[in-house]
C-alpha atoms as a PDB file:
ATOM      1  CA  MET A   1      -1.348   4.905  28.037  1.00  0.00           C
ATOM      2  CA  GLU A   2       2.204   3.640  28.080  1.00  0.00           C
ATOM      3  CA  ARG A   3       4.050   4.172  24.811  1.00  0.00           C
ATOM      4  CA  ARG A   4       6.083   1.162  23.838  1.00  0.00           C
ATOM      5  CA  GLY A   5       7.717   2.988  20.947  1.00  0.00           C
ATOM      6  CA  ALA A   6      10.717   4.471  22.769  1.00  0.00           C
ATOM      7  CA  SER A   7      13.066   1.831  21.335  1.00  0.00           C
ATOM      8  CA  ARG A   8      11.559   2.012  17.844  1.00  0.00           C
ATOM      9  CA  VAL A   9      14.210   4.030  16.102  1.00  0.00           C
ATOM     10  CA  VAL A  10      16.056   4.131  12.811  1.00  0.00           C
ATOM     11  CA  VAL A  11      19.763   4.902  12.993  1.00  0.00           C
ATOM     12  CA  GLY A  12      22.334   4.573  10.233  1.00  0.00           C
ATOM     13  CA  GLU A  13      21.348   3.342   6.770  1.00  0.00           C
ATOM     14  CA  ALA A  14      17.839   1.998   6.098  1.00  0.00           C
ATOM     15  CA  GLU A  15      15.625   1.562   3.043  1.00  0.00           C
ATOM     16  CA  LEU A  16      11.943   1.601   2.263  1.00  0.00           C
ATOM     17  CA  LEU A  17      11.425  -0.752  -0.676  1.00  0.00           C
ATOM     18  CA  SER A  18       8.481  -1.517  -2.927  1.00  0.00           C
ATOM     19  CA  GLY A  19       8.058  -3.272  -6.241  1.00  0.00           C
ATOM     20  CA  LEU A  20       6.999  -1.262  -9.266  1.00  0.00           C
ATOM     21  CA  PHE A  21       3.240  -0.508  -9.074  1.00  0.00           C
ATOM     22  CA  SER A  22       3.045  -2.279  -5.708  1.00  0.00           C
ATOM     23  CA  ASN A  23       1.301  -0.929  -2.631  1.00  0.00           C
ATOM     24  CA  GLU A  24       3.352  -3.102  -0.271  1.00  0.00           C
ATOM     25  CA  TRP A  25       6.489  -1.645   1.306  1.00  0.00           C
ATOM     26  CA  GLN A  26       9.156  -2.836   3.719  1.00  0.00           C
ATOM     27  CA  LEU A  27      11.410  -0.802   5.996  1.00  0.00           C
ATOM     28  CA  ILE A  28      14.696  -2.708   6.007  1.00  0.00           C
ATOM     29  CA  GLN A  29      17.837  -2.067   8.032  1.00  0.00           C
ATOM     30  CA  ARG A  30      20.899  -4.333   8.009  1.00  0.00           C
ATOM     31  CA  GLY A  31      18.876  -7.079   6.305  1.00  0.00           C
ATOM     32  CA  GLU A  32      16.174  -7.040   8.984  1.00  0.00           C
ATOM     33  CA  VAL A  33      12.580  -6.039   8.213  1.00  0.00           C
ATOM     34  CA  LEU A  34      11.634  -3.414  10.806  1.00  0.00           C
ATOM     35  CA  ALA A  35       8.154  -2.732   9.430  1.00  0.00           C
ATOM     36  CA  LYS A  36       5.804  -3.619   6.604  1.00  0.00           C
ATOM     37  CA  ALA A  37       3.416  -1.080   5.160  1.00  0.00           C
ATOM     38  CA  ILE A  38       0.416  -1.576   2.908  1.00  0.00           C
ATOM     39  CA  ARG A  39      -0.899   1.533   1.179  1.00  0.00           C
ATOM     40  CA  ARG A  40      -4.585   1.865   0.377  1.00  0.00           C
ATOM     41  CA  PRO A  41      -4.601   4.570  -2.308  1.00  0.00           C
ATOM     42  CA  ARG A  42      -8.389   4.636  -2.708  1.00  0.00           C
ATOM     43  CA  ASN A  43      -8.750   5.655   0.933  1.00  0.00           C
ATOM     44  CA  ASN A  44      -5.381   7.471   1.195  1.00  0.00           C
ATOM     45  CA  TYR A  45      -4.161   5.588   4.261  1.00  0.00           C
ATOM     46  CA  THR A  46      -1.317   3.202   5.068  1.00  0.00           C
ATOM     47  CA  ARG A  47      -1.501   0.258   7.452  1.00  0.00           C
ATOM     48  CA  VAL A  48       1.870  -0.422   9.129  1.00  0.00           C
ATOM     49  CA  THR A  49       2.848  -3.618  10.951  1.00  0.00           C
ATOM     50  CA  LEU A  50       6.045  -3.440  13.001  1.00  0.00           C
ATOM     51  CA  SER A  51       8.324  -6.438  13.470  1.00  0.00           C
ATOM     52  CA  ASP A  52       6.918  -6.981  16.987  1.00  0.00           C
ATOM     53  CA  GLY A  53       3.355  -7.201  15.617  1.00  0.00           C
ATOM     54  CA  THR A  54       2.250  -3.709  16.644  1.00  0.00           C
ATOM     55  CA  ARG A  55      -0.067  -2.078  14.101  1.00  0.00           C
ATOM     56  CA  TRP A  56      -0.208   1.572  13.197  1.00  0.00           C
ATOM     57  CA  MET A  57      -2.278   3.483  10.714  1.00  0.00           C
ATOM     58  CA  LEU A  58      -1.026   6.536   8.815  1.00  0.00           C
ATOM     59  CA  GLN A  59      -4.099   8.450   7.728  1.00  0.00           C
ATOM     60  CA  PRO A  60      -4.958  11.928   6.480  1.00  0.00           C
ATOM     61  CA  ASP A  61      -6.995  13.995   8.891  1.00  0.00           C
ATOM     62  CA  GLY A  62      -7.796  17.158   7.001  1.00  0.00           C
ATOM     63  CA  TRP A  63      -6.012  19.291   4.447  1.00  0.00           C
ATOM     64  CA  GLY A  64      -2.267  18.894   4.945  1.00  0.00           C
ATOM     65  CA  LEU A  65      -2.409  16.767   8.106  1.00  0.00           C
ATOM     66  CA  VAL A  66      -1.483  13.083   8.448  1.00  0.00           C
ATOM     67  CA  ARG A  67      -1.742  11.252  11.759  1.00  0.00           C
ATOM     68  CA  ALA A  68      -0.037   8.094  12.998  1.00  0.00           C
ATOM     69  CA  VAL A  69      -2.566   6.162  15.051  1.00  0.00           C
ATOM     70  CA  GLU A  70      -2.169   3.125  17.316  1.00  0.00           C
ATOM     71  CA  ASP A  71      -5.241   1.552  18.943  1.00  0.00           C
ATOM     72  CA  ASP A  72      -7.381   4.538  17.853  1.00  0.00           C
ATOM     73  CA  VAL A  73      -5.013   6.924  19.677  1.00  0.00           C
ATOM     74  CA  PRO A  74      -3.043   9.437  17.558  1.00  0.00           C
ATOM     75  CA  PHE A  75       0.577   9.618  18.702  1.00  0.00           C
ATOM     76  CA  ALA A  76       2.389  11.461  15.897  1.00  0.00           C
ATOM     77  CA  ARG A  77       1.545  13.677  12.959  1.00  0.00           C
ATOM     78  CA  ALA A  78       2.833  15.369   9.841  1.00  0.00           C
ATOM     79  CA  THR A  79       1.549  18.890   9.242  1.00  0.00           C
ATOM     80  CA  ARG A  80       2.051  20.620   5.921  1.00  0.00           C
ATOM     81  CA  ASP A  81       4.029  23.814   6.463  1.00  0.00           C
ATOM     82  CA  SER A  82       4.162  25.223   2.919  1.00  0.00           C
ATOM     83  CA  PHE A  83       1.737  25.814   0.083  1.00  0.00           C
ATOM     84  CA  TRP A  84       3.607  23.567  -2.377  1.00  0.00           C
ATOM     85  CA  GLY A  85       4.151  20.735   0.117  1.00  0.00           C
ATOM     86  CA  ASN A  86       7.944  20.989   0.165  1.00  0.00           C
ATOM     87  CA  ARG A  87       8.068  21.567   3.940  1.00  0.00           C
ATOM     88  CA  TRP A  88       6.337  19.526   6.665  1.00  0.00           C
ATOM     89  CA  GLU A  89       6.460  19.509  10.457  1.00  0.00           C
ATOM     90  CA  ILE A  90       6.814  15.934  11.753  1.00  0.00           C
ATOM     91  CA  SER A  91       6.026  15.728  15.466  1.00  0.00           C
ATOM     92  CA  GLY A  92       4.933  13.300  18.127  1.00  0.00           C
ATOM     93  CA  LEU A  93       5.525  12.169  21.669  1.00  0.00           C
ATOM     94  CA  GLY A  94       9.051  13.327  22.445  1.00  0.00           C
ATOM     95  CA  PHE A  95      10.125  14.549  19.003  1.00  0.00           C
ATOM     96  CA  ALA A  96       9.651  17.388  16.512  1.00  0.00           C
ATOM     97  CA  TYR A  97      11.364  17.644  13.129  1.00  0.00           C
ATOM     98  CA  LEU A  98      11.153  19.772  10.034  1.00  0.00           C
ATOM     99  CA  LEU A  99      11.020  17.766   6.807  1.00  0.00           C
ATOM    100  CA  GLN A 100      12.203  19.921   3.927  1.00  0.00           C
ATOM    101  CA  HIS A 101      12.778  19.259   0.242  1.00  0.00           C
ATOM    102  CA  ASP A 102      16.216  20.049  -1.149  1.00  0.00           C
ATOM    103  CA  GLY A 103      15.141  22.298  -4.017  1.00  0.00           C
ATOM    104  CA  ARG A 104      18.453  21.845  -5.833  1.00  0.00           C
ATOM    105  CA  ARG A 105      18.115  18.086  -6.304  1.00  0.00           C
ATOM    106  CA  PRO A 106      14.992  16.064  -7.111  1.00  0.00           C
ATOM    107  CA  ARG A 107      13.742  13.482  -4.610  1.00  0.00           C
ATOM    108  CA  ARG A 108      16.072  14.650  -1.811  1.00  0.00           C
ATOM    109  CA  TRP A 109      14.644  15.524   1.607  1.00  0.00           C
ATOM    110  CA  GLU A 110      16.156  16.527   4.932  1.00  0.00           C
ATOM    111  CA  LEU A 111      14.710  15.786   8.365  1.00  0.00           C
ATOM    112  CA  ALA A 112      16.071  18.400  10.767  1.00  0.00           C
ATOM    113  CA  VAL A 113      15.822  19.643  14.329  1.00  0.00           C
ATOM    114  CA  GLY A 114      15.969  23.399  13.917  1.00  0.00           C
ATOM    115  CA  ARG A 115      18.756  23.919  11.389  1.00  0.00           C
ATOM    116  CA  GLU A 116      20.641  20.745  12.288  1.00  0.00           C
ATOM    117  CA  PRO A 117      20.018  17.735  10.029  1.00  0.00           C
ATOM    118  CA  ALA A 118      19.019  14.505  11.777  1.00  0.00           C
ATOM    119  CA  ALA A 119      18.435  12.381   8.651  1.00  0.00           C
ATOM    120  CA  TRP A 120      18.255  12.491   4.874  1.00  0.00           C
ATOM    121  CA  LEU A 121      15.742  10.689   2.673  1.00  0.00           C
ATOM    122  CA  ARG A 122      16.493  10.032  -0.997  1.00  0.00           C
ATOM    123  CA  GLY A 123      14.222   8.587  -3.639  1.00  0.00           C
ATOM    124  CA  SER A 124      15.658   6.686  -6.590  1.00  0.00           C
ATOM    125  CA  ALA A 125      16.541   8.460  -9.828  1.00  0.00           C
ATOM    126  CA  VAL A 126      13.055   8.024 -11.283  1.00  0.00           C
ATOM    127  CA  ASN A 127      10.566   7.436  -8.449  1.00  0.00           C
ATOM    128  CA  TYR A 128      10.040   6.722  -4.758  1.00  0.00           C
ATOM    129  CA  ASN A 129       9.845   2.892  -4.996  1.00  0.00           C
ATOM    130  CA  ARG A 130      13.135   2.863  -3.146  1.00  0.00           C
ATOM    131  CA  VAL A 131      13.682   5.452  -0.437  1.00  0.00           C
ATOM    132  CA  ARG A 132      17.061   5.448   1.272  1.00  0.00           C
ATOM    133  CA  ILE A 133      17.291   6.834   4.782  1.00  0.00           C
ATOM    134  CA  ASN A 134      20.596   8.023   6.195  1.00  0.00           C
ATOM    135  CA  ALA A 135      20.221   8.854   9.882  1.00  0.00           C
ATOM    136  CA  PRO A 136      23.533   9.556  11.641  1.00  0.00           C
ATOM    137  CA  ILE A 137      21.569  10.004  14.877  1.00  0.00           C
ATOM    138  CA  SER A 138      18.561   7.930  15.854  1.00  0.00           C
ATOM    139  CA  ILE A 139      15.144   9.091  14.692  1.00  0.00           C
ATOM    140  CA  PRO A 140      11.825   7.570  15.747  1.00  0.00           C
ATOM    141  CA  MET A 141      10.400   5.051  13.308  1.00  0.00           C
ATOM    142  CA  ALA A 142       7.155   7.050  13.340  1.00  0.00           C
ATOM    143  CA  ALA A 143       9.047  10.109  12.041  1.00  0.00           C
ATOM    144  CA  ALA A 144      10.665   8.057   9.269  1.00  0.00           C
ATOM    145  CA  LEU A 145       7.365   6.469   8.198  1.00  0.00           C
ATOM    146  CA  LEU A 146       5.381   9.718   8.313  1.00  0.00           C
ATOM    147  CA  SER A 147       8.116  11.398   6.256  1.00  0.00           C
ATOM    148  CA  TRP A 148       7.956   8.595   3.713  1.00  0.00           C
ATOM    149  CA  HIS A 149       4.149   8.780   3.611  1.00  0.00           C
ATOM    150  CA  VAL A 150       4.088  12.468   2.700  1.00  0.00           C
ATOM    151  CA  ILE A 151       6.956  12.408   0.179  1.00  0.00           C
ATOM    152  CA  ALA A 152       6.130   9.185  -1.656  1.00  0.00           C
ATOM    153  CA  ARG A 153       2.521  10.165  -2.377  1.00  0.00           C
ATOM    154  CA  PRO A 154       2.080  13.839  -1.494  1.00  0.00           C
ATOM    155  CA  TRP A 155      -1.317  14.164  -3.156  1.00  0.00           C
ATOM    156  CA  GLU A 156      -2.653  11.410  -0.872  1.00  0.00           C
ATOM    157  CA  ALA A 157      -1.410  13.266   2.183  1.00  0.00           C
ATOM    158  CA  VAL A 158      -3.366  16.394   1.281  1.00  0.00           C
ATOM    159  CA  ALA A 159      -6.351  14.975  -0.600  1.00  0.00           C
ATOM    160  CA  PHE A 160      -8.438  13.890   2.370  1.00  0.00           C
ATOM    161  CA  ALA A 161     -11.993  12.998   1.465  1.00  0.00           C
ATOM    162  CA  PRO A 162     -14.060  11.782   4.452  1.00  0.00           C
ATOM    163  CA  GLU A 163     -16.640  10.235   2.136  1.00  0.00           C
ATOM    164  CA  LEU A 164     -14.009   7.716   0.999  1.00  0.00           C
ATOM    165  CA  LEU A 165     -13.558   6.310   4.504  1.00  0.00           C
ATOM    166  CA  THR A 166     -14.883   2.784   4.732  1.00  0.00           C
ATOM    167  CA  ARG A 167     -15.886   0.874   7.842  1.00  0.00           C
ATOM    168  CA  GLU A 168     -12.451  -0.784   7.692  1.00  0.00           C
ATOM    169  CA  VAL A 169     -10.775   2.576   8.274  1.00  0.00           C
ATOM    170  CA  GLY A 170     -13.318   4.566  10.196  1.00  0.00           C
ATOM    171  CA  GLY A 171     -14.908   1.764  12.156  1.00  0.00           C
ATOM    172  CA  ARG A 172     -17.269   4.251  13.761  1.00  0.00           C
ATOM    173  CA  LEU A 173     -19.072   5.447  10.636  1.00  0.00           C
ATOM    174  CA  THR A 174     -22.823   5.567  11.030  1.00  0.00           C
ATOM    175  CA  ASP A 175     -25.425   4.799   8.429  1.00  0.00           C
ATOM    176  CA  PRO A 176     -26.927   7.778   6.618  1.00  0.00           C
ATOM    177  CA  VAL A 177     -29.742   9.519   8.464  1.00  0.00           C
ATOM    178  CA  PRO A 178     -33.072   8.604   6.834  1.00  0.00           C
ATOM    179  CA  PRO A 179     -35.059  11.506   5.369  1.00  0.00           C
ATOM    180  CA  VAL A 180     -37.766  12.952   7.609  1.00  0.00           C
END
């Protein structure tokens, strides 16, 4: 399958914005909406619509694993790399980063290749309703959105419960097997 996402990058300053108590987010750069995301906290997934109409789903897939899926094909993932959730491996087609919390300052994260920082993510003083991204070099939009997904609601990223999947998410769920 051809990946159309090669040009889907974030470089420079960008923001993920949401209203207070809202599950709707926008990734904005230079006044342009690059993506819209709708979180479904009951099912722990996020539906993303890019500016070109492409749809992705960010969904947990086991303890400490979140996958980015397009057309039922996983193409990127975030894997928890520490017990406390302050370090994640963000990887996909053509990229691999380490997302690490800056333990000295609250709501500060670094996305790095090896020991070299590629981007920084900062929540606001009180919460993650506004996440600023500073990427001096280009990073894939999938890496930025997976990073946001695991830092904004870390308990959703690790609290996967298959029984909460609805037909909307799973699509392939079967009816319960009748007793014999």
